[in-house]
Protein backbone atom coordinates (compact mmCIF):
# COMPACT_ATOMS: atom_id res chain seq x y z
CA MET A 1 0.00 0.00 0.00
CA THR A 2 2.93 2.35 0.56
CA LYS A 3 3.78 2.20 -3.15
CA LEU A 4 0.21 3.15 -4.00
CA GLU A 5 0.38 5.93 -1.39
CA LYS A 6 3.35 7.45 -3.24
CA CYS A 7 1.30 7.66 -6.45
CA LEU A 8 -1.35 9.93 -4.94
CA SER A 9 -1.07 13.68 -5.29
CA GLY A 10 -0.38 15.87 -2.29
CA ASN A 11 -4.04 16.81 -1.88
CA GLY A 12 -5.14 13.19 -1.50
CA TYR A 13 -6.75 12.76 -4.90
CA ALA A 14 -5.42 10.19 -7.32
CA ILE A 15 -5.44 12.62 -10.24
CA GLY A 16 -5.90 16.37 -10.24
CA SER A 17 -7.73 18.30 -7.55
CA SER A 18 -11.11 16.59 -7.43
CA LEU A 19 -12.67 13.17 -7.09
CA SER A 20 -12.29 11.02 -10.21
CA LEU A 21 -12.82 7.49 -11.44
CA ALA A 22 -9.23 6.78 -10.37
CA ASP A 23 -10.19 7.50 -6.75
CA VAL A 24 -13.22 5.20 -7.02
CA THR A 25 -11.01 2.48 -8.50
CA ILE A 26 -8.51 2.80 -5.66
CA TYR A 27 -11.36 2.66 -3.13
CA SER A 28 -12.70 -0.48 -4.77
CA PHE A 29 -9.23 -2.04 -4.76
CA VAL A 30 -8.54 -1.25 -1.11
CA CYS A 31 -12.00 -1.95 0.32
CA ASP A 32 -13.40 -4.72 -1.89
CA TYR A 33 -10.66 -6.58 -3.76
CA PHE A 34 -8.91 -8.48 -0.98
CA ASP A 35 -10.37 -11.50 0.84
CA ASP A 36 -8.78 -10.28 4.08
CA LYS A 37 -10.58 -6.94 4.22
CA GLU A 38 -9.47 -6.24 7.79
CA GLY A 39 -5.83 -6.76 6.84
CA ALA A 40 -6.17 -4.52 3.80
CA LEU A 41 -7.74 -1.74 5.87
CA LYS A 42 -5.04 -2.12 8.54
CA SER A 43 -2.36 -1.72 5.87
CA VAL A 44 -3.94 1.59 4.85
CA ALA A 45 -3.69 2.91 8.42
CA SER A 46 -0.08 3.99 7.82
CA CYS A 47 -0.95 5.66 4.49
CA PRO A 48 -2.70 8.98 5.24
CA LYS A 49 -3.24 10.06 1.62
CA LEU A 50 -4.66 6.69 0.66
CA ARG A 51 -6.90 6.60 3.71
CA ASN A 52 -8.09 10.15 2.98
CA SER A 53 -8.85 9.27 -0.64
CA CYS A 54 -10.94 6.27 0.46
CA GLU A 55 -12.79 8.38 3.01
CA MET A 56 -13.58 11.03 0.37
CA VAL A 57 -15.01 8.40 -1.99
CA LYS A 58 -17.09 6.90 0.81
CA ALA A 59 -18.43 10.34 1.80
CA ALA A 60 -19.19 11.29 -1.81
CA ALA A 61 -21.07 8.03 -2.37
CA ALA A 62 -23.09 8.50 0.82
CA ASN A 63 -23.92 12.07 -0.20
CA TRP A 64 -25.01 10.99 -3.66
CA LEU A 65 -27.17 8.18 -2.29
CA SER A 66 -28.92 10.58 0.08
CA THR A 67 -29.65 13.18 -2.63
CA ARG A 68 -30.22 11.08 -5.74
CA PRO A 69 -33.53 11.49 -7.54
CA GLU A 70 -36.32 8.96 -7.04
CA THR A 71 -36.57 6.38 -9.84
CA LYS A 72 -38.55 3.22 -10.42
CA PHE A 73 -35.45 1.12 -9.93
């Protein structure tokens, strides 16, 4: 995870200065890819930019889910 941490920009986003598909992909990799999810999340504890990026994706998803328009599906 430390190698991935080095790839993130100084502001915590994967690319540029706002949330992007790259951030969502990193979140998916860190939080969903590994069988040992607890171990993966523990390895992120020492990576502040990576942890921040995952938290921003999680917050953005929660915000979108709470404000999305009503649909039939």
